[in-house]
């Protein structure tokens, strides 16, 4: 795709090479980097992540990437957070204490509620319930089937302050949580598009076309 270059942030937590292979599969140039210069020169930014919120924020701070991400956001170019990356976009997390996030989207990260019927973490394929109103104004979930299935791997959920930012919800046991989010040029997926077959590739394709 012409003039598209995605920076995949390397801060020590994330499924980096699977994400890059997914972009290769849709013909999109991407680089794995923690270099602020590389990131600033890209057209799109992807913040991956698997692991704990506190460690994620500490790693971003140690590599002086927080300011780089915020500057990228201020530029108006699109950012996509995946799994832990989506959670880091929030104001704060209550995973292992209280920790401040990037605060690009007002919201909190809270534990999934455990019940006898389900196991934590949530691992496997679960459906998205798309916000039909938001689907008309946002293209991240465009060209997907009704209630598409995506691959999840998480123990915590995002609760956003403004429901208008919710692109989709997902039900797991007694938990109904935000699984896709958007505020202006900031997007998030609790699921892993790079592990979600055709539907996941469509999410990434939509993202780079925004």
N, C-alpha and C. Protein backbone atom coordinates (compact mmCIF):
# COMPACT_ATOMS: atom_id res chain seq x y z
N UNK A 1 0.84 -1.18 0.00
CA UNK A 1 0.00 0.00 0.00
C UNK A 1 0.88 1.24 0.00
N UNK A 2 0.59 2.16 -0.88
CA UNK A 2 1.43 3.32 -1.09
C UNK A 2 1.40 4.26 0.11
N UNK A 3 2.59 4.75 0.51
CA UNK A 3 2.74 5.74 1.58
C UNK A 3 2.26 5.25 2.94
N UNK A 4 2.14 3.95 3.13
CA UNK A 4 1.77 3.40 4.43
C UNK A 4 3.00 2.75 5.05
N UNK A 5 3.31 3.15 6.26
CA UNK A 5 4.41 2.54 7.01
C UNK A 5 3.99 2.48 8.48
N UNK A 6 3.98 1.29 9.03
CA UNK A 6 3.53 1.09 10.40
C UNK A 6 4.73 0.82 11.30
N UNK A 7 4.83 1.55 12.40
CA UNK A 7 5.82 1.25 13.43
C UNK A 7 5.16 0.39 14.50
N UNK A 8 5.76 -0.77 14.75
CA UNK A 8 5.32 -1.65 15.83
C UNK A 8 6.28 -1.42 17.00
N UNK A 9 5.78 -0.86 18.10
CA UNK A 9 6.66 -0.47 19.19
C UNK A 9 7.20 -1.68 19.92
N UNK A 10 8.51 -1.72 20.05
CA UNK A 10 9.20 -2.78 20.79
C UNK A 10 9.58 -2.24 22.16
N UNK A 11 8.83 -2.61 23.18
CA UNK A 11 9.16 -2.20 24.54
C UNK A 11 9.30 -3.42 25.46
N UNK A 12 9.60 -4.57 24.83
CA UNK A 12 9.91 -5.77 25.58
C UNK A 12 8.73 -6.65 25.92
N UNK A 13 7.53 -6.24 25.51
CA UNK A 13 6.32 -7.03 25.79
C UNK A 13 5.45 -7.04 24.55
N UNK A 14 5.31 -8.21 23.91
CA UNK A 14 4.42 -8.21 22.76
C UNK A 14 4.74 -9.30 21.76
N UNK A 15 3.74 -9.55 20.96
CA UNK A 15 3.79 -10.60 19.95
C UNK A 15 4.28 -9.98 18.64
N UNK A 16 5.49 -9.44 18.66
CA UNK A 16 5.94 -8.53 17.62
C UNK A 16 6.01 -9.17 16.24
N UNK A 17 6.63 -10.34 16.15
CA UNK A 17 6.87 -10.91 14.83
C UNK A 17 5.59 -11.47 14.21
N UNK A 18 4.66 -11.97 15.02
CA UNK A 18 3.37 -12.39 14.48
C UNK A 18 2.61 -11.19 13.92
N UNK A 19 2.72 -10.06 14.59
CA UNK A 19 2.07 -8.85 14.08
C UNK A 19 2.70 -8.42 12.77
N UNK A 20 4.02 -8.44 12.71
CA UNK A 20 4.69 -8.04 11.47
C UNK A 20 4.33 -8.99 10.32
N UNK A 21 4.25 -10.29 10.62
CA UNK A 21 3.86 -11.25 9.58
C UNK A 21 2.43 -10.99 9.09
N UNK A 22 1.57 -10.55 10.00
CA UNK A 22 0.19 -10.23 9.60
C UNK A 22 0.18 -9.04 8.65
N UNK A 23 0.99 -8.02 8.94
CA UNK A 23 1.08 -6.89 8.02
C UNK A 23 1.69 -7.31 6.69
N UNK A 24 2.68 -8.19 6.72
CA UNK A 24 3.25 -8.72 5.48
C UNK A 24 2.17 -9.40 4.64
N UNK A 25 1.26 -10.12 5.32
CA UNK A 25 0.22 -10.87 4.61
C UNK A 25 -0.75 -9.96 3.88
N UNK A 26 -0.90 -8.71 4.35
CA UNK A 26 -1.81 -7.78 3.67
C UNK A 26 -1.05 -6.74 2.84
N UNK A 27 0.26 -6.97 2.69
CA UNK A 27 1.06 -6.11 1.81
C UNK A 27 1.37 -4.74 2.37
N UNK A 28 1.56 -4.65 3.69
CA UNK A 28 1.81 -3.36 4.34
C UNK A 28 3.22 -3.35 4.92
N UNK A 29 3.96 -2.28 4.66
CA UNK A 29 5.29 -2.12 5.22
C UNK A 29 5.21 -1.84 6.72
N UNK A 30 6.00 -2.57 7.50
CA UNK A 30 6.04 -2.32 8.94
C UNK A 30 7.45 -2.53 9.45
N UNK A 31 7.76 -1.84 10.55
CA UNK A 31 9.05 -2.02 11.20
C UNK A 31 8.80 -2.24 12.70
N UNK A 32 9.66 -3.01 13.32
CA UNK A 32 9.64 -3.20 14.77
C UNK A 32 10.74 -2.30 15.32
N UNK A 33 10.36 -1.34 16.18
CA UNK A 33 11.35 -0.35 16.58
C UNK A 33 10.99 0.28 17.93
N UNK A 34 12.02 0.73 18.64
CA UNK A 34 11.84 1.56 19.81
C UNK A 34 12.52 2.92 19.60
N UNK A 35 12.89 3.19 18.35
CA UNK A 35 13.58 4.43 17.99
C UNK A 35 12.56 5.53 17.73
N UNK A 36 12.56 6.60 18.53
CA UNK A 36 11.57 7.67 18.33
C UNK A 36 11.56 8.24 16.92
N UNK A 37 12.73 8.29 16.27
CA UNK A 37 12.79 8.82 14.90
C UNK A 37 12.00 7.94 13.94
N UNK A 38 12.18 6.61 14.04
CA UNK A 38 11.43 5.68 13.20
C UNK A 38 9.93 5.87 13.41
N UNK A 39 9.55 5.98 14.68
CA UNK A 39 8.12 6.08 15.01
C UNK A 39 7.53 7.37 14.45
N UNK A 40 8.21 8.48 14.63
CA UNK A 40 7.69 9.77 14.17
C UNK A 40 7.54 9.81 12.65
N UNK A 41 8.39 9.06 11.93
CA UNK A 41 8.33 9.08 10.46
C UNK A 41 7.29 8.13 9.90
N UNK A 42 6.67 7.31 10.73
CA UNK A 42 5.67 6.34 10.26
C UNK A 42 4.31 7.00 10.09
N UNK A 43 3.49 6.38 9.27
CA UNK A 43 2.13 6.89 9.05
C UNK A 43 1.16 6.38 10.10
N UNK A 44 1.45 5.19 10.68
CA UNK A 44 0.59 4.58 11.68
C UNK A 44 1.47 3.97 12.78
N UNK A 45 0.91 3.89 13.98
CA UNK A 45 1.65 3.37 15.13
C UNK A 45 0.84 2.25 15.78
N UNK A 46 1.52 1.14 16.06
CA UNK A 46 0.86 0.02 16.72
C UNK A 46 1.56 -0.27 18.04
N UNK A 47 0.77 -0.28 19.12
CA UNK A 47 1.27 -0.57 20.45
C UNK A 47 0.78 -1.95 20.86
N UNK A 48 1.64 -2.97 20.77
CA UNK A 48 1.24 -4.33 21.13
C UNK A 48 1.36 -4.54 22.63
N UNK A 49 1.23 -5.77 23.08
CA UNK A 49 1.49 -6.03 24.49
C UNK A 49 0.86 -7.30 25.00
N UNK A 50 1.64 -8.08 25.72
CA UNK A 50 1.16 -9.25 26.46
C UNK A 50 1.88 -9.21 27.80
N UNK A 51 1.13 -9.18 28.89
CA UNK A 51 1.77 -9.14 30.19
C UNK A 51 1.08 -8.18 31.14
N UNK A 52 1.85 -7.66 32.10
CA UNK A 52 1.30 -6.85 33.18
C UNK A 52 1.36 -5.37 32.84
N UNK A 53 0.34 -4.64 33.28
CA UNK A 53 0.21 -3.21 33.01
C UNK A 53 1.39 -2.43 33.59
N UNK A 54 1.72 -2.67 34.86
CA UNK A 54 2.79 -1.91 35.51
C UNK A 54 4.11 -2.07 34.77
N UNK A 55 4.45 -3.30 34.40
CA UNK A 55 5.70 -3.54 33.67
C UNK A 55 5.66 -2.86 32.31
N UNK A 56 4.51 -2.88 31.66
CA UNK A 56 4.38 -2.23 30.37
C UNK A 56 4.67 -0.75 30.45
N UNK A 57 4.04 -0.06 31.42
CA UNK A 57 4.27 1.38 31.57
C UNK A 57 5.71 1.67 31.96
N UNK A 58 6.29 0.85 32.85
CA UNK A 58 7.67 1.07 33.27
C UNK A 58 8.63 0.92 32.08
N UNK A 59 8.38 -0.07 31.24
CA UNK A 59 9.25 -0.27 30.06
C UNK A 59 9.14 0.90 29.10
N UNK A 60 7.91 1.40 28.90
CA UNK A 60 7.75 2.57 28.02
C UNK A 60 8.50 3.78 28.58
N UNK A 61 8.44 3.96 29.88
CA UNK A 61 9.13 5.09 30.51
C UNK A 61 10.65 4.94 30.40
N UNK A 62 11.15 3.75 30.66
CA UNK A 62 12.59 3.51 30.61
C UNK A 62 13.16 3.78 29.23
N UNK A 63 12.37 3.50 28.20
CA UNK A 63 12.83 3.71 26.83
C UNK A 63 12.41 5.07 26.28
N UNK A 64 11.91 5.94 27.16
CA UNK A 64 11.49 7.30 26.78
C UNK A 64 10.48 7.29 25.64
N UNK A 65 9.57 6.30 25.67
CA UNK A 65 8.59 6.15 24.59
C UNK A 65 7.25 6.79 24.91
N UNK A 66 7.01 7.14 26.17
CA UNK A 66 5.73 7.75 26.52
C UNK A 66 5.54 9.06 25.77
N UNK A 67 6.53 9.93 25.82
CA UNK A 67 6.45 11.22 25.14
C UNK A 67 6.32 11.03 23.63
N UNK A 68 7.03 10.04 23.09
CA UNK A 68 6.96 9.78 21.64
C UNK A 68 5.55 9.37 21.23
N UNK A 69 4.91 8.52 22.04
CA UNK A 69 3.54 8.08 21.74
C UNK A 69 2.57 9.25 21.83
N UNK A 70 2.73 10.09 22.86
CA UNK A 70 1.83 11.23 23.03
C UNK A 70 2.00 12.24 21.89
N UNK A 71 3.23 12.43 21.46
CA UNK A 71 3.48 13.34 20.32
C UNK A 71 2.86 12.78 19.05
N UNK A 72 2.96 11.47 18.85
CA UNK A 72 2.36 10.84 17.68
C UNK A 72 0.84 11.04 17.71
N UNK A 73 0.26 10.86 18.88
CA UNK A 73 -1.18 11.08 19.04
C UNK A 73 -1.56 12.52 18.70
N UNK A 74 -0.79 13.47 19.19
CA UNK A 74 -1.08 14.89 18.94
C UNK A 74 -0.96 15.24 17.47
N UNK A 75 -0.18 14.45 16.72
CA UNK A 75 -0.01 14.73 15.29
C UNK A 75 -1.26 14.41 14.49
N UNK A 76 -2.18 13.65 15.08
CA UNK A 76 -3.39 13.26 14.38
C UNK A 76 -3.30 11.95 13.63
N UNK A 77 -2.09 11.36 13.60
CA UNK A 77 -1.94 10.06 12.94
C UNK A 77 -2.50 8.96 13.83
N UNK A 78 -2.88 7.84 13.22
CA UNK A 78 -3.63 6.82 13.93
C UNK A 78 -2.74 5.88 14.74
N UNK A 79 -3.22 5.55 15.94
CA UNK A 79 -2.56 4.62 16.85
C UNK A 79 -3.53 3.48 17.15
N UNK A 80 -3.01 2.24 17.14
CA UNK A 80 -3.80 1.08 17.51
C UNK A 80 -3.10 0.34 18.65
N UNK A 81 -3.80 0.15 19.77
CA UNK A 81 -3.31 -0.65 20.87
C UNK A 81 -3.95 -2.03 20.85
N UNK A 82 -3.14 -3.07 21.01
CA UNK A 82 -3.65 -4.45 20.99
C UNK A 82 -3.41 -5.09 22.36
N UNK A 83 -4.46 -5.68 22.93
CA UNK A 83 -4.42 -6.41 24.20
C UNK A 83 -3.88 -5.50 25.30
N UNK A 84 -2.71 -5.81 25.89
CA UNK A 84 -2.14 -4.91 26.89
C UNK A 84 -1.95 -3.51 26.31
N UNK A 85 -1.62 -3.44 25.03
CA UNK A 85 -1.45 -2.14 24.37
C UNK A 85 -2.71 -1.30 24.45
N UNK A 86 -3.88 -1.92 24.30
CA UNK A 86 -5.15 -1.19 24.45
C UNK A 86 -5.32 -0.72 25.89
N UNK A 87 -4.99 -1.58 26.85
CA UNK A 87 -5.13 -1.21 28.26
C UNK A 87 -4.22 -0.05 28.64
N UNK A 88 -3.02 0.00 28.07
CA UNK A 88 -2.09 1.08 28.36
C UNK A 88 -2.59 2.43 27.86
N UNK A 89 -3.52 2.42 26.91
CA UNK A 89 -4.09 3.68 26.41
C UNK A 89 -5.00 4.34 27.45
N UNK A 90 -5.43 3.58 28.46
CA UNK A 90 -6.39 4.09 29.44
C UNK A 90 -5.72 4.99 30.48
N UNK A 91 -6.58 5.61 31.31
CA UNK A 91 -6.10 6.53 32.34
C UNK A 91 -5.36 5.81 33.45
N UNK A 92 -5.90 4.66 33.88
CA UNK A 92 -5.29 3.95 35.00
C UNK A 92 -5.70 2.49 35.00
N UNK A 93 -4.91 1.72 35.75
CA UNK A 93 -5.17 0.29 35.89
C UNK A 93 -5.13 -0.10 37.36
N UNK A 94 -5.93 -1.10 37.71
CA UNK A 94 -5.93 -1.63 39.07
C UNK A 94 -5.41 -3.06 39.09
N UNK A 95 -4.47 -3.33 38.20
CA UNK A 95 -3.81 -4.63 38.17
C UNK A 95 -2.60 -4.60 39.09
N UNK A 96 -2.67 -5.31 40.23
CA UNK A 96 -1.56 -5.32 41.16
C UNK A 96 -1.30 -3.97 41.80
N UNK A 97 -2.35 -3.25 42.12
CA UNK A 97 -2.22 -1.90 42.67
C UNK A 97 -2.86 -0.89 41.73
N UNK A 98 -2.56 0.37 41.92
CA UNK A 98 -3.11 1.43 41.06
C UNK A 98 -1.97 2.06 40.28
N UNK A 99 -2.11 2.07 38.96
CA UNK A 99 -1.04 2.55 38.09
C UNK A 99 -1.60 3.47 37.01
N UNK A 100 -0.90 4.56 36.75
CA UNK A 100 -1.33 5.50 35.71
C UNK A 100 -0.96 4.97 34.33
N UNK A 101 -1.87 5.18 33.36
CA UNK A 101 -1.62 4.81 31.99
C UNK A 101 -1.29 6.01 31.13
N UNK A 102 -1.38 5.84 29.83
CA UNK A 102 -1.08 6.92 28.89
C UNK A 102 -2.17 7.99 28.88
N UNK A 103 -3.38 7.64 29.34
CA UNK A 103 -4.50 8.57 29.46
C UNK A 103 -4.91 9.17 28.11
N UNK A 104 -4.75 8.39 27.04
CA UNK A 104 -5.22 8.83 25.73
C UNK A 104 -6.72 8.59 25.58
N UNK A 105 -7.25 7.65 26.34
CA UNK A 105 -8.69 7.41 26.41
C UNK A 105 -9.05 7.32 27.90
N UNK A 106 -10.05 8.08 28.31
CA UNK A 106 -10.42 8.09 29.73
C UNK A 106 -11.10 6.76 30.08
N UNK A 107 -10.49 6.02 31.00
CA UNK A 107 -11.06 4.74 31.39
C UNK A 107 -10.15 4.01 32.35
N UNK A 108 -10.63 2.86 32.81
CA UNK A 108 -9.91 2.06 33.80
C UNK A 108 -9.73 0.63 33.32
N UNK A 109 -8.73 -0.02 33.87
CA UNK A 109 -8.48 -1.44 33.61
C UNK A 109 -8.77 -2.19 34.90
N UNK A 110 -9.72 -3.13 34.83
CA UNK A 110 -10.19 -3.87 36.00
C UNK A 110 -10.15 -5.37 35.73
N UNK A 111 -10.09 -6.20 36.77
CA UNK A 111 -10.04 -7.65 36.55
C UNK A 111 -11.35 -8.19 36.01
N UNK A 112 -11.27 -9.21 35.17
CA UNK A 112 -12.45 -9.96 34.78
C UNK A 112 -13.01 -10.66 36.01
N UNK A 113 -14.34 -10.70 36.08
CA UNK A 113 -14.98 -11.36 37.22
C UNK A 113 -15.00 -12.86 36.99
N UNK A 114 -14.45 -13.59 37.96
CA UNK A 114 -14.39 -15.04 37.87
C UNK A 114 -15.66 -15.67 38.43
N UNK A 115 -16.19 -16.65 37.73
CA UNK A 115 -17.35 -17.41 38.19
C UNK A 115 -17.05 -18.89 38.00
N UNK A 116 -17.84 -19.78 38.63
CA UNK A 116 -17.59 -21.22 38.47
C UNK A 116 -17.68 -21.70 37.03
N UNK A 117 -18.40 -20.95 36.19
CA UNK A 117 -18.64 -21.39 34.82
C UNK A 117 -17.50 -21.06 33.86
N UNK A 118 -16.63 -20.15 34.24
CA UNK A 118 -15.57 -19.71 33.32
C UNK A 118 -14.21 -19.77 34.00
N UNK A 119 -13.19 -19.76 33.17
CA UNK A 119 -11.82 -19.72 33.66
C UNK A 119 -11.19 -18.37 33.35
N UNK A 120 -10.30 -17.94 34.21
CA UNK A 120 -9.53 -16.73 34.00
C UNK A 120 -8.07 -17.15 33.88
N UNK A 121 -7.33 -16.75 32.85
CA UNK A 121 -7.70 -15.77 31.83
C UNK A 121 -8.69 -16.29 30.79
N UNK A 122 -9.28 -15.36 30.08
CA UNK A 122 -10.12 -15.67 28.93
C UNK A 122 -9.18 -15.98 27.76
N UNK A 123 -9.15 -17.24 27.36
CA UNK A 123 -8.29 -17.66 26.25
C UNK A 123 -9.15 -18.34 25.20
N UNK A 124 -9.14 -17.81 23.98
CA UNK A 124 -9.87 -18.46 22.89
C UNK A 124 -10.70 -17.51 22.08
N UNK A 125 -11.59 -18.09 21.28
CA UNK A 125 -12.38 -17.34 20.30
C UNK A 125 -13.70 -16.89 20.90
N UNK A 126 -13.97 -15.59 20.83
CA UNK A 126 -15.19 -15.01 21.36
C UNK A 126 -15.68 -13.95 20.38
N UNK A 127 -16.99 -13.76 20.34
CA UNK A 127 -17.60 -12.87 19.35
C UNK A 127 -17.56 -11.40 19.79
N UNK A 128 -17.49 -10.53 18.80
CA UNK A 128 -17.66 -9.10 19.02
C UNK A 128 -19.12 -8.73 18.75
N UNK A 129 -19.69 -7.95 19.65
CA UNK A 129 -21.01 -7.36 19.41
C UNK A 129 -20.77 -5.92 18.98
N UNK A 130 -20.88 -5.67 17.69
CA UNK A 130 -20.52 -4.36 17.15
C UNK A 130 -21.56 -3.30 17.50
N UNK A 131 -21.06 -2.11 17.84
CA UNK A 131 -21.92 -0.95 18.04
C UNK A 131 -22.34 -0.45 16.66
N UNK A 132 -23.59 -0.70 16.31
CA UNK A 132 -24.05 -0.39 14.95
C UNK A 132 -23.96 1.10 14.63
N UNK A 133 -24.21 1.95 15.61
CA UNK A 133 -24.13 3.38 15.38
C UNK A 133 -22.69 3.82 15.11
N UNK A 134 -21.77 3.30 15.90
CA UNK A 134 -20.37 3.67 15.70
C UNK A 134 -19.81 3.08 14.42
N UNK A 135 -20.34 1.94 13.98
CA UNK A 135 -19.86 1.30 12.76
C UNK A 135 -20.04 2.22 11.56
N UNK A 136 -21.05 3.07 11.63
CA UNK A 136 -21.31 4.00 10.52
C UNK A 136 -20.27 5.11 10.44
N UNK A 137 -19.68 5.45 11.60
CA UNK A 137 -18.74 6.58 11.62
C UNK A 137 -17.29 6.14 11.77
N UNK A 138 -17.06 4.87 12.11
CA UNK A 138 -15.69 4.37 12.25
C UNK A 138 -15.48 3.21 11.29
N UNK A 139 -14.29 3.16 10.67
CA UNK A 139 -14.03 2.12 9.69
C UNK A 139 -13.20 0.96 10.25
N UNK A 140 -12.86 0.98 11.57
CA UNK A 140 -12.01 -0.08 12.10
C UNK A 140 -12.68 -1.45 11.98
N UNK A 141 -14.00 -1.51 12.14
CA UNK A 141 -14.73 -2.78 12.08
C UNK A 141 -15.48 -2.96 10.77
N UNK A 142 -15.09 -2.22 9.75
CA UNK A 142 -15.77 -2.31 8.45
C UNK A 142 -15.50 -3.66 7.78
N UNK A 143 -16.45 -4.08 6.95
CA UNK A 143 -16.30 -5.27 6.10
C UNK A 143 -16.07 -6.55 6.91
N UNK A 144 -16.64 -6.61 8.09
CA UNK A 144 -16.60 -7.81 8.91
C UNK A 144 -17.99 -8.43 8.97
N UNK A 145 -18.09 -9.73 9.18
CA UNK A 145 -19.40 -10.35 9.32
C UNK A 145 -20.08 -9.89 10.60
N UNK A 146 -21.36 -10.17 10.72
CA UNK A 146 -22.09 -9.86 11.95
C UNK A 146 -21.51 -10.70 13.09
N UNK A 147 -21.26 -10.08 14.24
CA UNK A 147 -20.72 -10.77 15.41
C UNK A 147 -19.49 -11.62 15.06
N UNK A 148 -18.44 -10.99 14.52
CA UNK A 148 -17.25 -11.75 14.12
C UNK A 148 -16.51 -12.30 15.34
N UNK A 149 -15.90 -13.47 15.19
CA UNK A 149 -15.13 -14.07 16.27
C UNK A 149 -13.67 -13.64 16.18
N UNK A 150 -13.10 -13.31 17.34
CA UNK A 150 -11.71 -12.91 17.45
C UNK A 150 -11.03 -13.71 18.56
N UNK A 151 -9.70 -13.75 18.52
CA UNK A 151 -8.94 -14.52 19.51
C UNK A 151 -8.53 -13.63 20.68
N UNK A 152 -8.91 -14.03 21.90
CA UNK A 152 -8.64 -13.27 23.11
C UNK A 152 -7.65 -14.02 24.01
N UNK A 153 -6.88 -13.24 24.76
CA UNK A 153 -6.00 -13.80 25.79
C UNK A 153 -5.79 -12.69 26.83
N UNK A 154 -6.62 -12.70 27.89
CA UNK A 154 -6.54 -11.60 28.87
C UNK A 154 -7.24 -11.99 30.18
N UNK A 155 -6.79 -11.32 31.25
CA UNK A 155 -7.39 -11.49 32.57
C UNK A 155 -8.04 -10.20 33.06
N UNK A 156 -7.79 -9.10 32.35
CA UNK A 156 -8.32 -7.80 32.73
C UNK A 156 -9.14 -7.21 31.60
N UNK A 157 -10.05 -6.32 31.97
CA UNK A 157 -10.96 -5.70 31.01
C UNK A 157 -10.88 -4.18 31.12
N UNK A 158 -11.25 -3.55 30.04
CA UNK A 158 -11.28 -2.08 29.97
C UNK A 158 -12.70 -1.59 30.18
N UNK A 159 -12.84 -0.58 31.02
CA UNK A 159 -14.10 0.13 31.17
C UNK A 159 -13.85 1.60 30.84
N UNK A 160 -14.44 2.07 29.74
CA UNK A 160 -14.22 3.45 29.32
C UNK A 160 -15.28 4.36 29.93
N UNK A 161 -14.90 5.61 30.20
CA UNK A 161 -15.83 6.55 30.84
C UNK A 161 -16.96 6.97 29.92
N UNK A 162 -16.66 7.12 28.63
CA UNK A 162 -17.64 7.59 27.66
C UNK A 162 -18.04 6.43 26.75
N UNK A 163 -19.28 5.98 26.86
CA UNK A 163 -19.74 4.83 26.07
C UNK A 163 -19.72 5.11 24.58
N UNK A 164 -19.67 6.38 24.18
CA UNK A 164 -19.60 6.72 22.76
C UNK A 164 -18.28 6.28 22.13
N UNK A 165 -17.30 5.94 22.97
CA UNK A 165 -16.00 5.49 22.45
C UNK A 165 -15.97 3.98 22.20
N UNK A 166 -17.01 3.27 22.59
CA UNK A 166 -17.03 1.82 22.46
C UNK A 166 -17.46 1.41 21.05
N UNK A 167 -16.59 0.68 20.35
CA UNK A 167 -16.91 0.17 19.01
C UNK A 167 -17.54 -1.22 19.08
N UNK A 168 -17.14 -1.99 20.07
CA UNK A 168 -17.74 -3.32 20.25
C UNK A 168 -17.63 -3.74 21.70
N UNK A 169 -18.53 -4.65 22.09
CA UNK A 169 -18.47 -5.29 23.40
C UNK A 169 -18.37 -6.79 23.19
N UNK A 170 -17.93 -7.48 24.24
CA UNK A 170 -17.83 -8.93 24.21
C UNK A 170 -18.30 -9.47 25.55
N UNK A 171 -18.98 -10.60 25.51
CA UNK A 171 -19.46 -11.24 26.73
C UNK A 171 -18.61 -12.48 27.03
N UNK A 172 -18.13 -12.55 28.27
CA UNK A 172 -17.42 -13.74 28.74
C UNK A 172 -17.91 -14.03 30.14
N UNK A 173 -18.70 -15.09 30.30
CA UNK A 173 -19.33 -15.36 31.58
C UNK A 173 -20.25 -14.23 31.97
N UNK A 174 -20.06 -13.69 33.18
CA UNK A 174 -20.86 -12.55 33.64
C UNK A 174 -20.24 -11.21 33.23
N UNK A 175 -19.15 -11.25 32.51
CA UNK A 175 -18.45 -10.03 32.10
C UNK A 175 -18.95 -9.56 30.73
N UNK A 176 -19.37 -8.33 30.65
CA UNK A 176 -19.63 -7.68 29.36
C UNK A 176 -18.69 -6.49 29.29
N UNK A 177 -17.67 -6.61 28.44
CA UNK A 177 -16.61 -5.61 28.45
C UNK A 177 -16.40 -4.99 27.07
N UNK A 178 -15.76 -3.85 27.07
CA UNK A 178 -15.39 -3.16 25.83
C UNK A 178 -14.26 -3.93 25.16
N UNK A 179 -14.51 -4.40 23.93
CA UNK A 179 -13.48 -5.17 23.22
C UNK A 179 -12.84 -4.40 22.07
N UNK A 180 -13.49 -3.32 21.61
CA UNK A 180 -12.89 -2.42 20.60
C UNK A 180 -13.26 -1.00 20.99
N UNK A 181 -12.30 -0.10 20.87
CA UNK A 181 -12.53 1.27 21.34
C UNK A 181 -11.93 2.26 20.35
N UNK A 182 -12.52 3.45 20.32
CA UNK A 182 -11.97 4.54 19.51
C UNK A 182 -12.26 5.88 20.15
N UNK A 183 -11.24 6.70 20.26
CA UNK A 183 -11.42 8.11 20.58
C UNK A 183 -10.59 8.90 19.58
N UNK A 184 -11.27 9.59 18.68
CA UNK A 184 -10.59 10.34 17.62
C UNK A 184 -9.65 9.42 16.84
N UNK A 185 -8.34 9.68 16.87
CA UNK A 185 -7.37 8.89 16.09
C UNK A 185 -6.75 7.76 16.90
N UNK A 186 -7.32 7.46 18.07
CA UNK A 186 -6.78 6.42 18.95
C UNK A 186 -7.73 5.22 18.95
N UNK A 187 -7.20 4.03 18.65
CA UNK A 187 -8.01 2.81 18.54
C UNK A 187 -7.43 1.73 19.44
N UNK A 188 -8.29 0.81 19.88
CA UNK A 188 -7.81 -0.29 20.69
C UNK A 188 -8.61 -1.56 20.44
N UNK A 189 -7.92 -2.70 20.53
CA UNK A 189 -8.54 -4.02 20.41
C UNK A 189 -8.07 -4.86 21.60
N UNK A 190 -9.01 -5.36 22.40
CA UNK A 190 -8.62 -6.25 23.49
C UNK A 190 -8.17 -7.60 22.95
N UNK A 191 -8.66 -7.99 21.80
CA UNK A 191 -8.32 -9.25 21.14
C UNK A 191 -7.04 -9.08 20.32
N UNK A 192 -6.59 -10.17 19.74
CA UNK A 192 -5.36 -10.17 18.93
C UNK A 192 -5.72 -10.31 17.44
N UNK A 193 -5.75 -9.22 16.68
CA UNK A 193 -6.03 -9.34 15.25
C UNK A 193 -5.03 -10.25 14.53
N UNK A 194 -3.77 -10.21 14.96
CA UNK A 194 -2.74 -11.00 14.28
C UNK A 194 -2.92 -12.50 14.48
N UNK A 195 -3.78 -12.89 15.42
CA UNK A 195 -4.05 -14.31 15.67
C UNK A 195 -5.49 -14.68 15.33
N UNK A 196 -6.21 -13.76 14.68
CA UNK A 196 -7.65 -13.93 14.45
C UNK A 196 -8.02 -14.21 13.00
N UNK A 197 -7.08 -14.83 12.26
CA UNK A 197 -7.35 -15.30 10.89
C UNK A 197 -7.87 -14.17 10.00
N UNK A 198 -8.82 -14.49 9.13
CA UNK A 198 -9.28 -13.54 8.11
C UNK A 198 -9.87 -12.28 8.73
N UNK A 199 -10.67 -12.45 9.78
CA UNK A 199 -11.29 -11.28 10.42
C UNK A 199 -10.25 -10.35 11.03
N UNK A 200 -9.22 -10.94 11.63
CA UNK A 200 -8.16 -10.12 12.21
C UNK A 200 -7.37 -9.36 11.16
N UNK A 201 -7.09 -10.00 10.05
CA UNK A 201 -6.38 -9.31 8.97
C UNK A 201 -7.22 -8.15 8.43
N UNK A 202 -8.54 -8.32 8.42
CA UNK A 202 -9.40 -7.23 7.97
C UNK A 202 -9.33 -6.04 8.92
N UNK A 203 -9.23 -6.31 10.23
CA UNK A 203 -9.06 -5.23 11.20
C UNK A 203 -7.79 -4.43 10.90
N UNK A 204 -6.68 -5.14 10.66
CA UNK A 204 -5.42 -4.45 10.37
C UNK A 204 -5.49 -3.70 9.05
N UNK A 205 -6.16 -4.30 8.08
CA UNK A 205 -6.34 -3.64 6.78
C UNK A 205 -7.16 -2.35 6.96
N UNK A 206 -8.21 -2.44 7.75
CA UNK A 206 -9.02 -1.25 8.02
C UNK A 206 -8.20 -0.16 8.71
N UNK A 207 -7.39 -0.58 9.67
CA UNK A 207 -6.58 0.38 10.43
C UNK A 207 -5.65 1.17 9.53
N UNK A 208 -4.93 0.50 8.66
CA UNK A 208 -3.97 1.24 7.83
C UNK A 208 -4.66 2.07 6.75
N UNK A 209 -5.92 1.80 6.48
CA UNK A 209 -6.66 2.59 5.51
C UNK A 209 -7.36 3.79 6.13
N UNK A 210 -7.27 3.92 7.46
CA UNK A 210 -7.90 5.08 8.13
C UNK A 210 -7.07 6.32 7.83
